[in-house]
Amino acid sequence: MRPWITILRPLNLLQATLAVVLTTAFLGELEQTNILILLILSVITINAGGNIINDIYDLEIDRINRPDRPLPSGAMSVKQARIYLIFLFAAGSLFSWSISLQAFIIAGLISIPTLIAYSACFKRQPLIGNLTVSFMLGLAFIYVGSAFGNIPATLVMAALAFGFTLIREIVKDLEDMEGDARDNARTLPLVWGESKTLVLVLWLILSFVVLDMLPYFFGVYNHVYLWIVILGINLPLLFFAFVLWKQPDKKNYSRAQLFLKLDIFVGLAALYFGQTF
């Protein structure tokens, strides 16, 4: 039973669930429990299916980078994984259809095909794969907004999530260079080189720590947002930028991308507590 759970990447699904709940709270719609439950179920099943299809296409890379995963370890066959992901995608589409037509369009007609195209084509292409993942995370916030008929309120969240994720995805490519090279992937570090890609990451970080403060200066969020962003996001980001500049190695790439993966919840807290009521 364990491989059937592990391949779903439960921590990622927990993070997705928390993001849905926090976004719903941000919109002031927590009392709409039926819609919230359907949102959580659809996000979990579609993300889980995306994780499985990603593992299928990454099988040879994972034999090097992550040999303990269910597919490279032999704990689950590719055929079993394919049946599993079809079931999950179908369930996710059904859950989104139960919310609204608009939600179904975003989840079933945009998200699922994009997840498949990402794993099959985009992931191994320089930058476009990174942009696709970032787009998908931003779209998740818009999806929650669509369920409650309030997409405009989630646009700033989506934009910040897009930028934050883009940095993380490129750092992750730096971390995975060895396995990607053996699988003939054309990720940004393998096409541009490690040094140029690192320079891009540093410039993206510097840009982000300026841009993420703009919602405060434009009056979208209050001073609580500003302080959470400065202390919880920008200063740690600048610290990791310094570490990567001084010692760019796999260990530090791994630490940086894990921080970026978890720190998005600090960003959600900034958005929630920084609302101007």
Protein backbone atom coordinates (compact mmCIF):
# COMPACT_ATOMS: atom_id res chain seq x y z
CA MET A 1 0.00 0.00 0.00
CA ARG A 2 2.87 2.36 0.77
CA PRO A 3 4.03 2.87 -2.88
CA TRP A 4 0.46 3.83 -3.86
CA ILE A 5 0.63 6.65 -1.31
CA THR A 6 4.26 7.62 -1.79
CA ILE A 7 3.92 8.13 -5.55
CA LEU A 8 1.24 10.76 -4.87
CA ARG A 9 3.79 12.85 -2.91
CA PRO A 10 1.61 13.41 0.18
CA LEU A 11 3.61 16.42 1.40
CA ASN A 12 2.97 18.23 -1.89
CA LEU A 13 -0.73 17.37 -1.66
CA LEU A 14 -0.87 18.63 1.93
CA GLN A 15 0.69 21.89 0.79
CA ALA A 16 -1.85 22.15 -2.03
CA THR A 17 -4.68 21.52 0.45
CA LEU A 18 -3.39 24.19 2.83
CA ALA A 19 -3.09 26.62 -0.08
CA VAL A 20 -6.74 25.99 -1.02
CA VAL A 21 -7.93 26.47 2.57
CA LEU A 22 -5.87 29.63 3.09
CA THR A 23 -7.01 31.10 -0.22
CA THR A 24 -10.62 30.33 0.67
CA ALA A 25 -10.11 32.02 4.04
CA PHE A 26 -8.53 34.98 2.27
CA LEU A 27 -11.69 35.28 0.14
CA GLY A 28 -13.87 35.02 3.27
CA GLU A 29 -15.68 31.93 1.99
CA LEU A 30 -14.86 29.28 4.61
CA GLU A 31 -18.54 28.85 5.45
CA GLN A 32 -19.15 27.40 1.96
CA THR A 33 -17.95 23.99 3.09
CA ASN A 34 -19.43 22.02 0.16
CA ILE A 35 -17.46 24.03 -2.39
CA LEU A 36 -14.33 23.95 -0.21
CA ILE A 37 -14.46 20.15 0.04
CA LEU A 38 -14.91 19.80 -3.72
CA LEU A 39 -12.00 22.20 -4.28
CA ILE A 40 -9.75 20.20 -1.99
CA LEU A 41 -10.73 16.88 -3.58
CA SER A 42 -10.25 18.18 -7.12
CA VAL A 43 -6.90 19.82 -6.34
CA ILE A 44 -5.62 16.69 -4.57
CA THR A 45 -6.67 14.25 -7.30
CA ILE A 46 -5.46 16.37 -10.23
CA ASN A 47 -2.15 17.19 -8.55
CA ALA A 48 -1.70 13.54 -7.58
CA GLY A 49 -2.30 12.49 -11.20
CA GLY A 50 0.21 15.11 -12.33
CA ASN A 51 2.78 13.76 -9.88
CA ILE A 52 2.33 10.24 -11.23
CA ILE A 53 2.62 11.18 -14.89
CA ASN A 54 5.72 13.19 -14.00
CA ASP A 55 7.24 10.10 -12.37
CA ILE A 56 6.43 7.99 -15.43
CA TYR A 57 8.25 10.33 -17.80
CA ASP A 58 11.08 10.86 -15.30
CA LEU A 59 11.69 7.17 -14.74
CA GLU A 60 15.21 7.09 -16.20
CA ILE A 61 16.22 10.35 -14.49
CA ASP A 62 14.85 9.11 -11.16
CA ARG A 63 16.94 5.94 -11.42
CA ILE A 64 19.86 8.34 -10.81
CA ASN A 65 18.40 11.26 -8.83
CA ARG A 66 15.69 9.50 -6.78
CA PRO A 67 16.10 5.70 -7.01
CA ASP A 68 13.91 5.12 -3.94
CA ARG A 69 10.73 6.35 -5.66
CA PRO A 70 8.05 3.67 -6.35
CA LEU A 71 8.69 3.35 -10.12
CA PRO A 72 12.52 3.20 -10.26
CA SER A 73 12.58 0.97 -7.18
CA GLY A 74 10.15 -1.47 -8.83
CA ALA A 75 7.53 -1.16 -6.07
CA MET A 76 4.96 -0.16 -8.73
CA SER A 77 4.83 -0.91 -12.45
CA VAL A 78 4.38 1.74 -15.12
CA LYS A 79 1.13 0.06 -16.20
CA GLN A 80 -0.27 0.31 -12.68
CA ALA A 81 0.80 3.95 -12.49
CA ARG A 82 -0.98 4.77 -15.76
CA ILE A 83 -4.26 3.24 -14.59
CA TYR A 84 -3.90 5.09 -11.30
CA LEU A 85 -3.39 8.51 -12.94
CA ILE A 86 -6.34 8.02 -15.34
CA PHE A 87 -8.59 7.33 -12.35
CA LEU A 88 -7.27 10.39 -10.50
CA PHE A 89 -7.65 12.73 -13.47
CA ALA A 90 -11.19 11.49 -14.08
CA ALA A 91 -12.11 11.98 -10.43
CA GLY A 92 -10.58 15.47 -10.40
CA SER A 93 -12.52 16.46 -13.51
CA LEU A 94 -15.76 15.19 -11.95
CA PHE A 95 -15.16 17.12 -8.74
CA SER A 96 -14.44 20.34 -10.66
CA TRP A 97 -17.56 19.84 -12.80
CA SER A 98 -19.56 19.62 -9.58
CA ILE A 99 -18.33 23.12 -8.62
CA SER A 100 -19.08 25.04 -11.81
CA LEU A 101 -18.49 25.09 -15.55
CA GLN A 102 -15.80 27.74 -15.10
CA ALA A 103 -14.00 25.58 -12.54
CA PHE A 104 -14.20 22.57 -14.87
CA ILE A 105 -12.70 24.57 -17.74
CA ILE A 106 -9.74 25.59 -15.58
CA ALA A 107 -9.21 22.17 -14.00
CA GLY A 108 -10.29 19.71 -16.67
CA LEU A 109 -9.63 21.54 -19.94
CA ILE A 110 -6.57 23.63 -19.01
CA SER A 111 -4.80 22.10 -16.01
CA ILE A 112 -4.85 18.40 -16.92
CA PRO A 113 -3.71 18.84 -20.56
CA THR A 114 -1.01 21.26 -19.37
CA LEU A 115 0.23 18.76 -16.76
CA ILE A 116 0.43 16.05 -19.43
CA ALA A 117 2.18 18.34 -21.93
CA TYR A 118 4.62 19.45 -19.25
CA SER A 119 5.74 15.92 -18.41
CA ALA A 120 5.74 14.73 -22.03
CA CYS A 121 7.33 17.75 -23.75
CA PHE A 122 7.94 20.93 -21.83
CA LYS A 123 9.88 19.69 -18.81
CA ARG A 124 13.03 18.93 -20.75
CA GLN A 125 13.01 22.21 -22.65
CA PRO A 126 14.95 25.22 -21.39
CA LEU A 127 12.81 27.70 -19.45
CA ILE A 128 9.44 26.69 -20.95
CA GLY A 129 9.17 23.84 -18.44
CA ASN A 130 9.92 26.22 -15.56
CA LEU A 131 7.36 28.71 -16.87
CA THR A 132 4.73 25.97 -17.18
CA VAL A 133 5.08 24.85 -13.56
CA SER A 134 4.97 28.47 -12.40
CA PHE A 135 1.87 29.09 -14.51
CA MET A 136 0.17 26.04 -13.01
CA LEU A 137 0.76 27.16 -9.44
CA GLY A 138 -0.52 30.63 -10.18
CA LEU A 139 -3.54 29.11 -11.92
CA ALA A 140 -4.36 27.16 -8.75
CA PHE A 141 -5.17 30.40 -6.92
CA ILE A 142 -7.30 31.60 -9.82
CA TYR A 143 -9.09 28.23 -9.73
CA VAL A 144 -10.12 28.81 -6.12
CA GLY A 145 -11.24 32.31 -7.03
CA SER A 146 -13.36 30.94 -9.88
CA ALA A 147 -15.14 28.56 -7.52
CA PHE A 148 -16.38 31.50 -5.47
CA GLY A 149 -16.93 33.87 -8.39
CA ASN A 150 -14.08 36.18 -7.35
CA ILE A 151 -11.12 35.70 -9.67
CA PRO A 152 -9.88 39.34 -9.45
CA ALA A 153 -9.14 38.95 -5.72
CA THR A 154 -6.68 36.13 -6.47
CA LEU A 155 -4.70 37.76 -9.29
CA VAL A 156 -2.01 39.29 -7.04
CA MET A 157 -1.65 35.95 -5.24
CA ALA A 158 -1.30 34.17 -8.57
CA ALA A 159 1.35 36.62 -9.80
CA LEU A 160 3.45 36.32 -6.63
CA ALA A 161 3.14 32.52 -6.69
CA PHE A 162 4.25 32.51 -10.34
CA GLY A 163 7.42 34.51 -9.61
CA PHE A 164 8.32 32.59 -6.48
CA THR A 165 7.84 29.23 -8.20
CA LEU A 166 9.87 30.26 -11.25
CA ILE A 167 12.89 30.89 -9.02
CA ARG A 168 12.43 27.54 -7.26
CA GLU A 169 12.05 25.59 -10.50
CA ILE A 170 15.27 26.95 -11.97
CA VAL A 171 17.14 26.23 -8.71
CA LYS A 172 15.72 22.70 -8.83
CA ASP A 173 17.12 22.28 -12.35
CA LEU A 174 20.52 23.31 -11.01
CA GLU A 175 20.18 20.67 -8.30
CA ASP A 176 19.20 17.94 -10.81
CA MET A 177 21.84 18.63 -13.47
CA GLU A 178 23.58 15.26 -13.20
CA GLY A 179 20.50 13.12 -13.74
CA ASP A 180 19.06 15.47 -16.37
CA ALA A 181 22.32 15.32 -18.36
CA ARG A 182 22.26 11.52 -18.45
CA ASP A 183 18.68 11.60 -19.76
CA ASN A 184 19.62 14.17 -22.46
CA ALA A 185 17.22 16.73 -21.00
CA ARG A 186 17.62 20.30 -22.23
CA THR A 187 17.04 22.18 -19.00
CA LEU A 188 18.35 25.72 -18.61
CA PRO A 189 21.60 24.82 -16.76
CA LEU A 190 22.47 22.22 -19.40
CA VAL A 191 21.79 24.63 -22.28
CA TRP A 192 23.11 27.87 -20.83
CA GLY A 193 25.60 26.45 -18.37
CA GLU A 194 25.55 26.51 -14.59
CA SER A 195 27.14 29.95 -14.16
CA LYS A 196 24.76 31.81 -16.50
CA THR A 197 21.74 30.07 -14.99
CA LEU A 198 22.89 30.99 -11.51
CA VAL A 199 23.22 34.63 -12.57
CA LEU A 200 19.63 34.49 -13.87
CA VAL A 201 18.46 33.06 -10.53
CA LEU A 202 20.19 35.86 -8.63
CA TRP A 203 18.62 38.52 -10.87
CA LEU A 204 15.20 36.91 -10.46
CA ILE A 205 15.61 36.95 -6.68
CA LEU A 206 16.64 40.61 -6.68
CA SER A 207 13.69 41.47 -8.92
CA PHE A 208 11.26 39.51 -6.77
CA VAL A 209 12.29 41.17 -3.49
CA VAL A 210 11.41 44.51 -5.09
CA LEU A 211 8.24 43.48 -6.89
CA ASP A 212 6.69 41.65 -3.94
CA MET A 213 6.62 44.92 -1.97
CA LEU A 214 4.69 46.81 -4.66
CA PRO A 215 1.24 45.62 -3.47
CA TYR A 216 1.93 47.47 -0.20
CA PHE A 217 3.05 50.69 -1.88
CA PHE A 218 0.02 50.59 -4.18
CA GLY A 219 -2.28 50.20 -1.17
CA VAL A 220 -3.46 46.68 -1.99
CA TYR A 221 -2.16 45.28 1.32
CA ASN A 222 -1.28 46.89 4.65
CA HIS A 223 1.91 47.21 6.71
CA VAL A 224 1.49 43.71 8.18
CA TYR A 225 1.92 42.33 4.67
CA LEU A 226 5.06 44.41 4.19
CA TRP A 227 6.74 43.25 7.39
CA ILE A 228 5.92 39.57 6.85
CA VAL A 229 7.27 39.81 3.30
CA ILE A 230 10.48 41.57 4.36
CA LEU A 231 11.25 39.32 7.34
CA GLY A 232 9.81 36.02 6.15
CA ILE A 233 10.55 36.11 2.43
CA ASN A 234 12.92 38.81 1.24
CA LEU A 235 15.67 38.55 3.86
CA PRO A 236 15.82 34.72 3.63
CA LEU A 237 15.82 34.99 -0.18
CA LEU A 238 18.74 37.42 -0.10
CA PHE A 239 20.55 35.10 2.31
CA PHE A 240 20.17 32.15 -0.06
CA ALA A 241 21.22 34.34 -2.99
CA PHE A 242 24.44 35.12 -1.11
CA VAL A 243 25.01 31.45 -0.23
CA LEU A 244 24.49 30.31 -3.81
CA TRP A 245 26.75 33.02 -5.14
CA LYS A 246 29.55 32.08 -2.73
CA GLN A 247 29.14 28.29 -2.87
CA PRO A 248 27.04 26.99 -5.77
CA ASP A 249 26.83 23.23 -5.18
CA LYS A 250 24.15 20.55 -5.12
CA LYS A 251 23.71 20.68 -1.34
CA ASN A 252 23.02 24.41 -1.34
CA TYR A 253 20.77 24.14 -4.40
CA SER A 254 18.77 21.51 -2.50
CA ARG A 255 18.50 23.69 0.60
CA ALA A 256 17.44 26.72 -1.43
CA GLN A 257 14.74 24.93 -3.39
CA LEU A 258 13.34 23.31 -0.22
CA PHE A 259 13.15 26.74 1.40
CA LEU A 260 11.39 28.13 -1.66
CA LYS A 261 8.97 25.23 -1.63
CA LEU A 262 7.95 25.79 1.98
CA ASP A 263 8.19 29.57 2.19
CA ILE A 264 5.26 30.08 -0.14
CA PHE A 265 3.09 29.58 2.94
CA VAL A 266 4.72 32.60 4.55
CA GLY A 267 3.59 34.45 1.44
CA LEU A 268 0.04 33.19 1.92
CA ALA A 269 0.15 34.35 5.55
CA ALA A 270 1.33 37.79 4.39
CA LEU A 271 -1.60 38.00 1.98
CA TYR A 272 -4.12 36.87 4.58
CA PHE A 273 -2.98 39.03 7.50
CA GLY A 274 -2.11 41.96 5.25
CA GLN A 275 -5.60 42.52 3.92
CA THR A 276 -6.93 46.05 4.17
CA PHE A 277 -10.34 45.54 5.75
